[in-house]
Amino acid sequence: MIGNRDADALRRAPLWHALALDKVRGVPVVAVVGGGGKTSLAYALAREVAALGGRAVVTGTARFTAAPHGWPMPPLIEVRPGDVASMAARASRGSGILVVAGVEPQPAGRLAPVAPEEIAALAGIEGVDAVLVEADGSRARAFKAPGDHEPVIPDAATHVVVVVGASVLGHPLAEIHVHRPERVRAIMPGLPGDAVCDAALIARVLAHEEGGRRHADGRAFAVVVNQADTHPEAARAIAEAVREAGVSRVLVTALRDAERPVRG
């Protein structure tokens, strides 16, 4: 278990510590949901684990993305159901980060999910310090509400972290900007036809039991407001609204900035 909070550890792993993952007994299994930086968050956390001398597994219970554009791709194994733990255990030796995907063919840059029941086996591999799981899709939108089948939170998950991109603030509640705007309207009935994504609306959806908290089921929960490097004022406004909506752990981030990913 990676738990050191000295100054060097805090510098090398700011996201890890800001999410209080160092305080978990056992192996943190983080289900990452939402839009606007899920992939970046999963890989950034994995890089921090490796920087602390640990081993991380990145995977998905929904179709997920290879490493963010411009980031080096860690070692990848594609596994069949039932073989996940044994193959991952062999492949993880000597590597700080391992990506584990299913074998079904996917479009370029995309990886097949593994079954949610396999995640516990990944967390049980000797020497693995964290499992980072992309648990839903967003079609590259910065903000979303989950569909009926989403998110696919594995039973082994210890944390649910929902991500939103600050770039959505002020845009119309429409498919071009929001994944499943009709689900947002179902969660927040009575919205006008010309509704826009203001901070209060975004926050209420992220904090809602059928929104960002869907299937969290009492697990540790956090909201990450990303894109603070390009939309700093919007990120701060959304984060403040999320806190007012009752979420106690809210991070403002610039996940593409490896030197300073946490901005508040």
Protein backbone atom coordinates (compact mmCIF):
# COMPACT_ATOMS: atom_id res chain seq x y z
CA MET A 1 0.00 0.00 0.00
CA ILE A 2 1.35 3.43 -0.96
CA GLY A 3 0.74 5.73 1.97
CA ASN A 4 3.68 8.08 2.38
CA ARG A 5 2.71 11.75 2.79
CA ASP A 6 6.16 13.31 3.00
CA ALA A 7 6.90 16.37 0.87
CA ASP A 8 8.50 14.37 -1.94
CA ALA A 9 5.55 11.97 -2.17
CA LEU A 10 3.10 14.87 -2.25
CA ARG A 11 5.08 16.49 -5.06
CA ARG A 12 5.26 13.33 -7.14
CA ALA A 13 1.66 12.23 -6.59
CA PRO A 14 -0.61 15.24 -6.02
CA LEU A 15 -3.75 13.62 -7.46
CA TRP A 16 -3.22 10.43 -5.46
CA HIS A 17 -3.04 12.38 -2.21
CA ALA A 18 -5.76 14.92 -3.07
CA LEU A 19 -8.16 12.01 -3.59
CA ALA A 20 -6.97 10.50 -0.27
CA LEU A 21 -6.07 7.22 -1.98
CA ASP A 22 -3.04 6.95 0.27
CA LYS A 23 -5.40 6.43 3.21
CA VAL A 24 -7.08 3.32 1.80
CA ARG A 25 -6.45 0.03 3.55
CA GLY A 26 -5.62 -2.42 0.82
CA VAL A 27 -5.63 -1.72 -2.91
CA PRO A 28 -7.65 1.27 -4.14
CA VAL A 29 -9.92 0.39 -7.06
CA VAL A 30 -11.04 3.66 -8.62
CA ALA A 31 -13.99 3.70 -11.03
CA VAL A 32 -13.68 6.83 -13.18
CA VAL A 33 -16.89 8.09 -14.81
CA GLY A 34 -18.18 11.20 -16.59
CA GLY A 35 -16.48 13.19 -19.34
CA GLY A 36 -13.86 15.80 -20.00
CA GLY A 37 -10.82 13.88 -18.77
CA LYS A 38 -11.61 10.31 -17.64
CA THR A 39 -8.76 8.79 -19.60
CA SER A 40 -6.33 11.49 -18.54
CA LEU A 41 -7.25 11.00 -14.87
CA ALA A 42 -6.85 7.21 -15.01
CA TYR A 43 -3.44 7.40 -16.66
CA ALA A 44 -2.28 10.35 -14.54
CA LEU A 45 -3.07 8.40 -11.38
CA ALA A 46 -1.27 5.37 -12.79
CA ARG A 47 1.81 7.47 -13.54
CA GLU A 48 1.76 8.79 -9.98
CA VAL A 49 1.63 5.26 -8.58
CA ALA A 50 4.63 4.35 -10.73
CA ALA A 51 6.46 7.52 -9.61
CA LEU A 52 6.00 6.40 -6.01
CA GLY A 53 7.55 3.05 -6.84
CA GLY A 54 4.28 1.13 -7.08
CA ARG A 55 2.42 -0.78 -9.78
CA ALA A 56 -0.89 0.27 -11.32
CA VAL A 57 -3.33 -1.44 -13.64
CA VAL A 58 -5.42 0.64 -16.04
CA THR A 59 -8.49 -1.07 -17.47
CA GLY A 60 -12.16 -0.53 -18.28
CA THR A 61 -15.53 -2.10 -17.65
CA ALA A 62 -16.78 -0.15 -20.67
CA ARG A 63 -14.93 0.37 -23.93
CA PHE A 64 -12.07 2.66 -23.05
CA THR A 65 -9.33 4.71 -24.60
CA ALA A 66 -5.66 4.03 -25.08
CA ALA A 67 -3.28 6.53 -23.49
CA PRO A 68 -4.15 10.21 -24.02
CA HIS A 69 -2.75 11.84 -27.15
CA GLY A 70 0.94 12.55 -26.73
CA TRP A 71 1.36 10.29 -23.70
CA PRO A 72 3.48 7.13 -24.00
CA MET A 73 1.43 3.96 -24.13
CA PRO A 74 2.25 1.58 -21.26
CA PRO A 75 2.52 -2.16 -21.86
CA LEU A 76 -0.81 -3.61 -22.99
CA ILE A 77 -2.19 -7.12 -22.71
CA GLU A 78 -5.47 -8.32 -24.18
CA VAL A 79 -7.05 -11.11 -22.19
CA ARG A 80 -9.92 -13.51 -22.54
CA PRO A 81 -12.53 -13.94 -19.79
CA GLY A 82 -11.20 -16.11 -17.01
CA ASP A 83 -7.57 -15.50 -17.95
CA VAL A 84 -7.37 -11.92 -16.72
CA ALA A 85 -5.68 -12.45 -13.36
CA SER A 86 -3.15 -15.08 -14.45
CA MET A 87 -2.05 -13.19 -17.57
CA ALA A 88 -1.95 -9.83 -15.80
CA ALA A 89 0.06 -11.28 -12.92
CA ARG A 90 2.73 -12.51 -15.32
CA ALA A 91 2.76 -9.29 -17.37
CA SER A 92 2.84 -6.90 -14.43
CA ARG A 93 6.23 -8.03 -13.20
CA GLY A 94 8.80 -5.32 -13.68
CA SER A 95 6.38 -2.72 -15.04
CA GLY A 96 5.07 0.34 -13.23
CA ILE A 97 1.90 0.55 -15.35
CA LEU A 98 0.02 -2.21 -17.14
CA VAL A 99 -3.04 -1.74 -19.35
CA VAL A 100 -5.45 -4.69 -19.41
CA ALA A 101 -8.13 -4.94 -22.10
CA GLY A 102 -10.46 -7.51 -23.59
CA VAL A 103 -9.84 -9.20 -26.93
CA GLU A 104 -12.83 -7.98 -28.95
CA PRO A 105 -11.80 -5.84 -31.96
CA GLN A 106 -12.32 -2.09 -31.45
CA PRO A 107 -11.92 1.09 -33.51
CA ALA A 108 -8.46 2.60 -33.64
CA GLY A 109 -7.36 4.02 -30.30
CA ARG A 110 -10.05 2.18 -28.37
CA LEU A 111 -9.74 -0.88 -26.15
CA ALA A 112 -12.26 -3.58 -25.26
CA PRO A 113 -13.58 -3.79 -21.71
CA VAL A 114 -13.09 -6.57 -19.23
CA ALA A 115 -15.95 -8.04 -17.22
CA PRO A 116 -16.63 -6.17 -13.95
CA GLU A 117 -16.25 -9.37 -11.95
CA GLU A 118 -12.63 -9.65 -13.14
CA ILE A 119 -11.60 -6.41 -11.44
CA ALA A 120 -11.31 -7.97 -7.99
CA ALA A 121 -8.83 -10.49 -9.37
CA LEU A 122 -6.70 -7.68 -10.80
CA ALA A 123 -6.68 -5.93 -7.42
CA GLY A 124 -5.64 -9.19 -5.79
CA ILE A 125 -2.47 -9.62 -7.84
CA GLU A 126 0.60 -9.51 -5.64
CA GLY A 127 2.46 -6.24 -6.05
CA VAL A 128 -0.43 -4.27 -7.59
CA ASP A 129 -1.00 -1.03 -5.68
CA ALA A 130 -3.99 0.43 -7.58
CA VAL A 131 -6.52 -0.45 -10.26
CA LEU A 132 -7.90 2.44 -12.32
CA VAL A 133 -11.12 1.60 -14.18
CA GLU A 134 -12.86 3.61 -16.89
CA ALA A 135 -16.45 2.68 -16.16
CA ASP A 136 -18.49 4.51 -18.82
CA GLY A 137 -18.22 6.45 -22.08
CA SER A 138 -18.86 10.06 -23.03
CA ARG A 139 -18.28 10.28 -26.81
CA ALA A 140 -15.63 12.93 -26.17
CA ARG A 141 -18.14 15.28 -24.51
CA ALA A 142 -17.10 17.24 -21.44
CA PHE A 143 -20.33 16.58 -19.52
CA LYS A 144 -22.79 13.71 -19.43
CA ALA A 145 -25.50 11.91 -17.54
CA PRO A 146 -25.41 8.10 -17.40
CA GLY A 147 -27.63 5.89 -19.51
CA ASP A 148 -29.70 3.00 -18.19
CA HIS A 149 -26.76 0.59 -18.49
CA GLU A 150 -24.20 2.96 -16.99
CA PRO A 151 -21.89 3.22 -15.26
CA VAL A 152 -20.49 -0.28 -14.93
CA ILE A 153 -19.09 -0.02 -11.41
CA PRO A 154 -17.35 -3.25 -10.36
CA ASP A 155 -18.20 -4.66 -6.96
CA ALA A 156 -14.51 -4.35 -6.08
CA ALA A 157 -14.49 -0.56 -6.54
CA THR A 158 -13.48 1.38 -3.45
CA HIS A 159 -13.94 4.83 -5.04
CA VAL A 160 -16.08 6.51 -7.68
CA VAL A 161 -14.68 9.67 -9.23
CA VAL A 162 -16.81 11.64 -11.69
CA VAL A 163 -15.04 13.99 -14.09
CA VAL A 164 -16.44 17.04 -15.88
CA GLY A 165 -14.70 19.36 -18.32
CA ALA A 166 -15.00 23.06 -17.50
CA SER A 167 -15.29 23.88 -21.21
CA VAL A 168 -18.99 22.91 -21.15
CA LEU A 169 -19.95 25.84 -18.92
CA GLY A 170 -22.36 28.20 -20.67
CA HIS A 171 -23.03 25.95 -23.66
CA PRO A 172 -26.55 24.85 -24.62
CA LEU A 173 -27.83 21.59 -23.17
CA ALA A 174 -27.58 19.83 -26.52
CA GLU A 175 -25.97 16.71 -27.95
CA ILE A 176 -23.17 18.68 -29.58
CA HIS A 177 -21.89 19.63 -26.12
CA VAL A 178 -23.42 17.06 -23.73
CA HIS A 179 -23.60 13.28 -23.91
CA ARG A 180 -27.20 12.22 -23.31
CA PRO A 181 -28.79 15.63 -22.69
CA GLU A 182 -32.15 13.87 -22.51
CA ARG A 183 -30.92 12.07 -19.39
CA VAL A 184 -29.92 15.39 -17.87
CA ARG A 185 -33.47 16.60 -18.48
CA ALA A 186 -34.87 13.43 -16.89
CA ILE A 187 -32.78 14.03 -13.77
CA MET A 188 -33.66 17.73 -13.69
CA PRO A 189 -37.29 17.93 -14.87
CA GLY A 190 -38.74 21.28 -15.82
CA LEU A 191 -35.71 22.66 -17.63
CA PRO A 192 -36.63 25.06 -20.43
CA GLY A 193 -36.08 24.01 -24.01
CA ASP A 194 -33.23 26.49 -24.36
CA ALA A 195 -31.48 25.47 -21.13
CA VAL A 196 -27.76 26.07 -20.88
CA CYS A 197 -25.16 24.26 -18.83
CA ASP A 198 -24.69 26.69 -15.99
CA ALA A 199 -22.68 25.82 -12.88
CA ALA A 200 -25.73 25.03 -10.75
CA LEU A 201 -27.17 22.61 -13.32
CA ILE A 202 -23.86 20.83 -13.81
CA ALA A 203 -23.34 20.53 -10.07
CA ARG A 204 -26.82 19.18 -9.39
CA VAL A 205 -26.38 16.47 -12.02
CA LEU A 206 -22.94 15.47 -10.78
CA ALA A 207 -24.18 15.23 -7.18
CA HIS A 208 -27.44 13.44 -8.05
CA GLU A 209 -28.05 9.77 -7.22
CA GLU A 210 -29.07 9.17 -10.85
CA GLY A 211 -26.28 11.38 -12.19
CA GLY A 212 -22.67 11.37 -11.09
CA ARG A 213 -23.42 9.27 -8.00
CA ARG A 214 -25.24 6.55 -9.94
CA HIS A 215 -24.20 3.13 -8.61
CA ALA A 216 -21.70 4.72 -6.22
CA ASP A 217 -23.57 2.91 -3.42
CA GLY A 218 -21.78 4.41 -0.44
CA ARG A 219 -18.27 4.21 -1.86
CA ALA A 220 -15.88 7.11 -1.43
CA PHE A 221 -17.01 9.72 -3.95
CA ALA A 222 -15.27 12.70 -5.49
CA VAL A 223 -15.77 15.16 -8.34
CA VAL A 224 -12.90 16.27 -10.56
CA VAL A 225 -13.46 19.51 -12.48
CA ASN A 226 -10.91 19.37 -15.28
CA GLN A 227 -9.59 21.79 -17.93
CA ALA A 228 -8.57 24.46 -15.43
CA ASP A 229 -5.53 25.22 -17.58
CA THR A 230 -7.74 26.45 -20.45
CA HIS A 231 -10.92 27.45 -18.56
CA PRO A 232 -9.78 28.47 -15.06
CA GLU A 233 -12.72 30.70 -14.12
CA ALA A 234 -15.26 28.16 -15.36
CA ALA A 235 -13.53 25.38 -13.43
CA ARG A 236 -13.61 27.37 -10.21
CA ALA A 237 -17.28 28.26 -10.69
CA ILE A 238 -18.29 24.64 -11.28
CA ALA A 239 -16.24 23.40 -8.34
CA GLU A 240 -17.82 25.92 -5.99
CA ALA A 241 -21.30 24.91 -7.15
CA VAL A 242 -20.49 21.21 -6.68
CA ARG A 243 -19.38 21.87 -3.11
CA GLU A 244 -22.60 23.80 -2.50
CA ALA A 245 -24.50 20.78 -3.86
CA GLY A 246 -23.11 18.70 -1.00
CA VAL A 247 -20.00 16.98 -2.42
CA SER A 248 -17.21 17.20 0.13
CA ARG A 249 -14.25 16.15 -2.04
CA VAL A 250 -13.92 18.32 -5.17
CA LEU A 251 -10.71 18.79 -7.15
CA VAL A 252 -9.96 21.42 -9.77
CA THR A 253 -7.45 19.98 -12.22
CA ALA A 254 -5.41 20.47 -15.36
CA LEU A 255 -4.78 16.79 -16.06
CA ARG A 256 -2.62 17.36 -19.13
CA ASP A 257 -0.14 19.27 -16.97
CA ALA A 258 2.10 16.60 -15.47
CA GLU A 259 3.94 19.14 -13.33
CA ARG A 260 0.86 20.78 -11.74
CA PRO A 261 -2.28 18.73 -12.33
CA VAL A 262 -4.10 19.86 -9.16
CA ARG A 263 -5.18 23.51 -9.25
CA GLY A 264 -7.56 23.58 -6.30
